[in-house]
N, C-alpha and C. Protein backbone atom coordinates (compact mmCIF):
# COMPACT_ATOMS: atom_id res chain seq x y z
N MET A 1 -81.49 -1.91 -58.48
CA MET A 1 -82.12 -2.60 -57.37
C MET A 1 -81.17 -3.66 -56.82
N ALA A 2 -81.03 -3.73 -55.54
CA ALA A 2 -80.13 -4.68 -54.90
C ALA A 2 -80.77 -6.06 -54.84
N THR A 3 -79.92 -7.08 -55.03
CA THR A 3 -80.38 -8.46 -54.91
C THR A 3 -79.49 -9.20 -53.92
N GLN A 4 -80.11 -10.03 -53.12
CA GLN A 4 -79.39 -10.77 -52.09
C GLN A 4 -78.51 -11.85 -52.73
N VAL A 5 -77.32 -12.03 -52.19
CA VAL A 5 -76.41 -13.10 -52.62
C VAL A 5 -76.58 -14.24 -51.64
N LYS A 6 -76.95 -15.42 -52.14
CA LYS A 6 -77.34 -16.52 -51.26
C LYS A 6 -76.30 -17.61 -51.09
N SER A 7 -75.29 -17.66 -51.97
CA SER A 7 -74.28 -18.73 -51.90
C SER A 7 -73.05 -18.32 -52.70
N LEU A 8 -72.00 -19.12 -52.57
CA LEU A 8 -70.79 -18.87 -53.37
C LEU A 8 -71.08 -18.99 -54.86
N SER A 9 -71.85 -19.99 -55.23
CA SER A 9 -72.17 -20.14 -56.66
C SER A 9 -73.02 -18.97 -57.15
N ASP A 10 -73.91 -18.46 -56.32
CA ASP A 10 -74.71 -17.29 -56.66
C ASP A 10 -73.82 -16.06 -56.81
N LEU A 11 -72.84 -15.91 -55.91
CA LEU A 11 -71.89 -14.80 -55.99
C LEU A 11 -71.10 -14.86 -57.30
N LYS A 12 -70.58 -16.03 -57.62
CA LYS A 12 -69.82 -16.20 -58.87
C LYS A 12 -70.70 -15.88 -60.08
N GLN A 13 -71.93 -16.35 -60.07
CA GLN A 13 -72.83 -16.11 -61.21
C GLN A 13 -73.12 -14.62 -61.37
N LYS A 14 -73.33 -13.92 -60.27
CA LYS A 14 -73.57 -12.48 -60.34
C LYS A 14 -72.34 -11.76 -60.92
N ILE A 15 -71.15 -12.19 -60.51
CA ILE A 15 -69.92 -11.60 -61.06
C ILE A 15 -69.81 -11.91 -62.55
N TYR A 16 -70.05 -13.17 -62.94
CA TYR A 16 -70.01 -13.53 -64.37
C TYR A 16 -71.01 -12.71 -65.17
N ASP A 17 -72.16 -12.40 -64.56
CA ASP A 17 -73.21 -11.63 -65.22
C ASP A 17 -72.92 -10.13 -65.25
N GLY A 18 -71.82 -9.72 -64.63
CA GLY A 18 -71.40 -8.33 -64.72
C GLY A 18 -71.53 -7.51 -63.45
N ALA A 19 -72.04 -8.10 -62.37
CA ALA A 19 -72.12 -7.37 -61.10
C ALA A 19 -70.76 -7.39 -60.41
N HIS A 20 -70.31 -6.25 -59.97
CA HIS A 20 -69.04 -6.17 -59.24
C HIS A 20 -69.17 -5.33 -57.98
N ASP A 21 -70.28 -4.61 -57.86
CA ASP A 21 -70.51 -3.78 -56.68
C ASP A 21 -71.42 -4.51 -55.72
N PHE A 22 -70.91 -4.74 -54.52
CA PHE A 22 -71.62 -5.49 -53.49
C PHE A 22 -71.57 -4.70 -52.19
N TYR A 23 -72.43 -5.07 -51.27
CA TYR A 23 -72.34 -4.48 -49.93
C TYR A 23 -72.86 -5.45 -48.89
N ILE A 24 -72.33 -5.28 -47.68
CA ILE A 24 -72.82 -5.99 -46.51
C ILE A 24 -73.72 -5.03 -45.76
N GLN A 25 -74.96 -5.46 -45.50
CA GLN A 25 -75.89 -4.64 -44.74
C GLN A 25 -75.53 -4.74 -43.27
N LEU A 26 -75.20 -3.61 -42.67
CA LEU A 26 -74.81 -3.56 -41.26
C LEU A 26 -75.97 -3.05 -40.42
N ASN A 27 -75.76 -3.00 -39.13
CA ASN A 27 -76.79 -2.47 -38.22
C ASN A 27 -77.07 -1.01 -38.51
N TYR A 28 -78.28 -0.58 -38.18
CA TYR A 28 -78.71 0.82 -38.28
C TYR A 28 -78.70 1.34 -39.72
N GLY A 29 -78.84 0.45 -40.69
CA GLY A 29 -78.92 0.86 -42.08
C GLY A 29 -77.58 1.18 -42.73
N LEU A 30 -76.49 0.97 -42.03
CA LEU A 30 -75.16 1.23 -42.59
C LEU A 30 -74.78 0.10 -43.55
N ARG A 31 -73.84 0.40 -44.46
CA ARG A 31 -73.36 -0.58 -45.43
C ARG A 31 -71.85 -0.60 -45.49
N SER A 32 -71.31 -1.76 -45.76
CA SER A 32 -69.89 -1.92 -46.02
C SER A 32 -69.76 -2.30 -47.50
N SER A 33 -69.36 -1.35 -48.32
CA SER A 33 -69.31 -1.56 -49.77
C SER A 33 -68.04 -2.28 -50.19
N LYS A 34 -68.20 -3.15 -51.18
CA LYS A 34 -67.10 -3.95 -51.71
C LYS A 34 -67.17 -3.96 -53.23
N TYR A 35 -66.02 -3.96 -53.86
CA TYR A 35 -65.92 -4.23 -55.29
C TYR A 35 -65.30 -5.61 -55.40
N MET A 36 -65.96 -6.55 -56.10
CA MET A 36 -65.45 -7.92 -56.16
C MET A 36 -65.38 -8.43 -57.58
N ASP A 37 -64.35 -9.23 -57.81
CA ASP A 37 -64.19 -9.94 -59.07
C ASP A 37 -63.76 -11.36 -58.72
N TYR A 38 -63.88 -12.25 -59.68
CA TYR A 38 -63.49 -13.65 -59.48
C TYR A 38 -62.79 -14.16 -60.72
N SER A 39 -61.71 -14.90 -60.52
CA SER A 39 -60.98 -15.51 -61.62
C SER A 39 -61.14 -17.03 -61.56
N PRO A 40 -61.77 -17.64 -62.57
CA PRO A 40 -61.87 -19.10 -62.58
C PRO A 40 -60.51 -19.77 -62.81
N VAL A 41 -59.55 -19.03 -63.35
CA VAL A 41 -58.21 -19.57 -63.58
C VAL A 41 -57.47 -19.74 -62.26
N THR A 42 -57.45 -18.69 -61.44
CA THR A 42 -56.75 -18.75 -60.15
C THR A 42 -57.66 -19.26 -59.03
N LYS A 43 -58.97 -19.29 -59.31
CA LYS A 43 -59.99 -19.67 -58.33
C LYS A 43 -59.92 -18.77 -57.10
N LYS A 44 -59.70 -17.47 -57.35
CA LYS A 44 -59.62 -16.50 -56.25
C LYS A 44 -60.58 -15.34 -56.49
N PHE A 45 -61.04 -14.80 -55.37
CA PHE A 45 -61.84 -13.59 -55.38
C PHE A 45 -60.92 -12.41 -55.13
N TYR A 46 -61.14 -11.34 -55.85
CA TYR A 46 -60.37 -10.12 -55.69
C TYR A 46 -61.33 -9.07 -55.15
N VAL A 47 -61.04 -8.60 -53.94
CA VAL A 47 -61.96 -7.72 -53.21
C VAL A 47 -61.29 -6.40 -52.90
N THR A 48 -61.99 -5.31 -53.20
CA THR A 48 -61.58 -3.99 -52.75
C THR A 48 -62.60 -3.54 -51.72
N ASN A 49 -62.14 -3.29 -50.52
CA ASN A 49 -62.99 -2.80 -49.44
C ASN A 49 -63.03 -1.29 -49.55
N GLU A 50 -64.17 -0.77 -49.98
CA GLU A 50 -64.26 0.65 -50.30
C GLU A 50 -64.16 1.57 -49.09
N ILE A 51 -64.44 1.05 -47.91
CA ILE A 51 -64.40 1.89 -46.71
C ILE A 51 -62.98 2.38 -46.41
N ASP A 52 -61.98 1.53 -46.69
CA ASP A 52 -60.60 1.93 -46.41
C ASP A 52 -59.67 1.70 -47.60
N ASP A 53 -60.25 1.32 -48.75
CA ASP A 53 -59.51 1.12 -49.99
C ASP A 53 -58.46 0.01 -49.90
N THR A 54 -58.68 -0.96 -49.00
CA THR A 54 -57.77 -2.10 -48.93
C THR A 54 -58.18 -3.14 -49.96
N GLU A 55 -57.23 -3.93 -50.38
CA GLU A 55 -57.48 -4.97 -51.37
C GLU A 55 -57.13 -6.33 -50.79
N GLN A 56 -57.91 -7.34 -51.18
CA GLN A 56 -57.67 -8.70 -50.72
C GLN A 56 -57.77 -9.65 -51.91
N GLU A 57 -56.99 -10.71 -51.85
CA GLU A 57 -57.01 -11.79 -52.82
C GLU A 57 -57.33 -13.04 -52.01
N LEU A 58 -58.55 -13.60 -52.18
CA LEU A 58 -59.03 -14.65 -51.28
C LEU A 58 -59.48 -15.90 -52.03
N THR A 59 -59.15 -17.05 -51.47
CA THR A 59 -59.70 -18.31 -51.98
C THR A 59 -61.14 -18.42 -51.48
N GLU A 60 -61.88 -19.40 -51.99
CA GLU A 60 -63.25 -19.63 -51.51
C GLU A 60 -63.25 -19.89 -50.01
N GLN A 61 -62.31 -20.69 -49.55
CA GLN A 61 -62.24 -21.02 -48.12
C GLN A 61 -61.97 -19.77 -47.30
N GLN A 62 -61.08 -18.92 -47.74
CA GLN A 62 -60.78 -17.68 -47.02
C GLN A 62 -61.97 -16.74 -47.04
N LEU A 63 -62.70 -16.70 -48.15
CA LEU A 63 -63.87 -15.83 -48.26
C LEU A 63 -64.93 -16.20 -47.21
N MET A 64 -64.99 -17.47 -46.86
CA MET A 64 -65.97 -17.94 -45.88
C MET A 64 -65.44 -17.90 -44.44
N ASP A 65 -64.20 -17.51 -44.26
CA ASP A 65 -63.54 -17.50 -42.94
C ASP A 65 -63.52 -16.08 -42.37
N ARG A 66 -64.16 -15.88 -41.23
CA ARG A 66 -64.26 -14.53 -40.65
C ARG A 66 -62.92 -13.95 -40.21
N THR A 67 -61.88 -14.76 -40.11
CA THR A 67 -60.57 -14.20 -39.77
C THR A 67 -59.99 -13.40 -40.94
N TYR A 68 -60.52 -13.63 -42.15
CA TYR A 68 -60.07 -12.91 -43.34
C TYR A 68 -61.03 -11.79 -43.73
N THR A 69 -62.34 -12.08 -43.69
CA THR A 69 -63.35 -11.14 -44.15
C THR A 69 -64.72 -11.53 -43.58
N ASN A 70 -65.62 -10.59 -43.55
CA ASN A 70 -66.99 -10.86 -43.11
C ASN A 70 -67.93 -11.20 -44.27
N ILE A 71 -67.42 -11.31 -45.47
CA ILE A 71 -68.26 -11.55 -46.64
C ILE A 71 -69.01 -12.87 -46.53
N GLY A 72 -68.32 -13.94 -46.24
CA GLY A 72 -68.98 -15.25 -46.13
C GLY A 72 -70.00 -15.28 -45.00
N TYR A 73 -69.65 -14.70 -43.87
CA TYR A 73 -70.56 -14.63 -42.73
C TYR A 73 -71.82 -13.86 -43.11
N ALA A 74 -71.64 -12.74 -43.78
CA ALA A 74 -72.78 -11.92 -44.21
C ALA A 74 -73.65 -12.70 -45.20
N MET A 75 -73.02 -13.42 -46.11
CA MET A 75 -73.76 -14.22 -47.10
C MET A 75 -74.61 -15.28 -46.38
N GLN A 76 -74.02 -15.95 -45.41
CA GLN A 76 -74.73 -17.00 -44.67
C GLN A 76 -75.89 -16.46 -43.85
N HIS A 77 -75.83 -15.18 -43.51
CA HIS A 77 -76.87 -14.56 -42.68
C HIS A 77 -77.78 -13.62 -43.46
N GLY A 78 -77.74 -13.71 -44.80
CA GLY A 78 -78.65 -12.94 -45.64
C GLY A 78 -78.37 -11.46 -45.68
N ALA A 79 -77.11 -11.07 -45.46
CA ALA A 79 -76.77 -9.65 -45.41
C ALA A 79 -75.82 -9.18 -46.52
N LEU A 80 -75.57 -10.03 -47.53
CA LEU A 80 -74.72 -9.64 -48.65
C LEU A 80 -75.59 -9.39 -49.87
N TYR A 81 -75.38 -8.23 -50.50
CA TYR A 81 -76.21 -7.82 -51.63
C TYR A 81 -75.35 -7.35 -52.80
N ALA A 82 -75.86 -7.55 -54.00
CA ALA A 82 -75.26 -7.01 -55.22
C ALA A 82 -76.13 -5.88 -55.70
N TYR A 83 -75.49 -4.82 -56.24
CA TYR A 83 -76.27 -3.75 -56.85
C TYR A 83 -75.60 -3.18 -58.05
């Protein structure tokens, strides 16, 4: 069952708890799937965008910046889910 990700701390907690498969709910029922991990040592998120198999290494600030990714924007608008 999918659960909504509500904040950066919620995202980190879900990753710590073992969730790594996430998705952004898009229009018309489409999804943008992501595999995410987080390192407290480097304080970076490691993201694999499953739609095109690209990888990103993002700081918290970059994760919330739409010029890098839509993950933060989706989280702020209730469209990021863990499953």
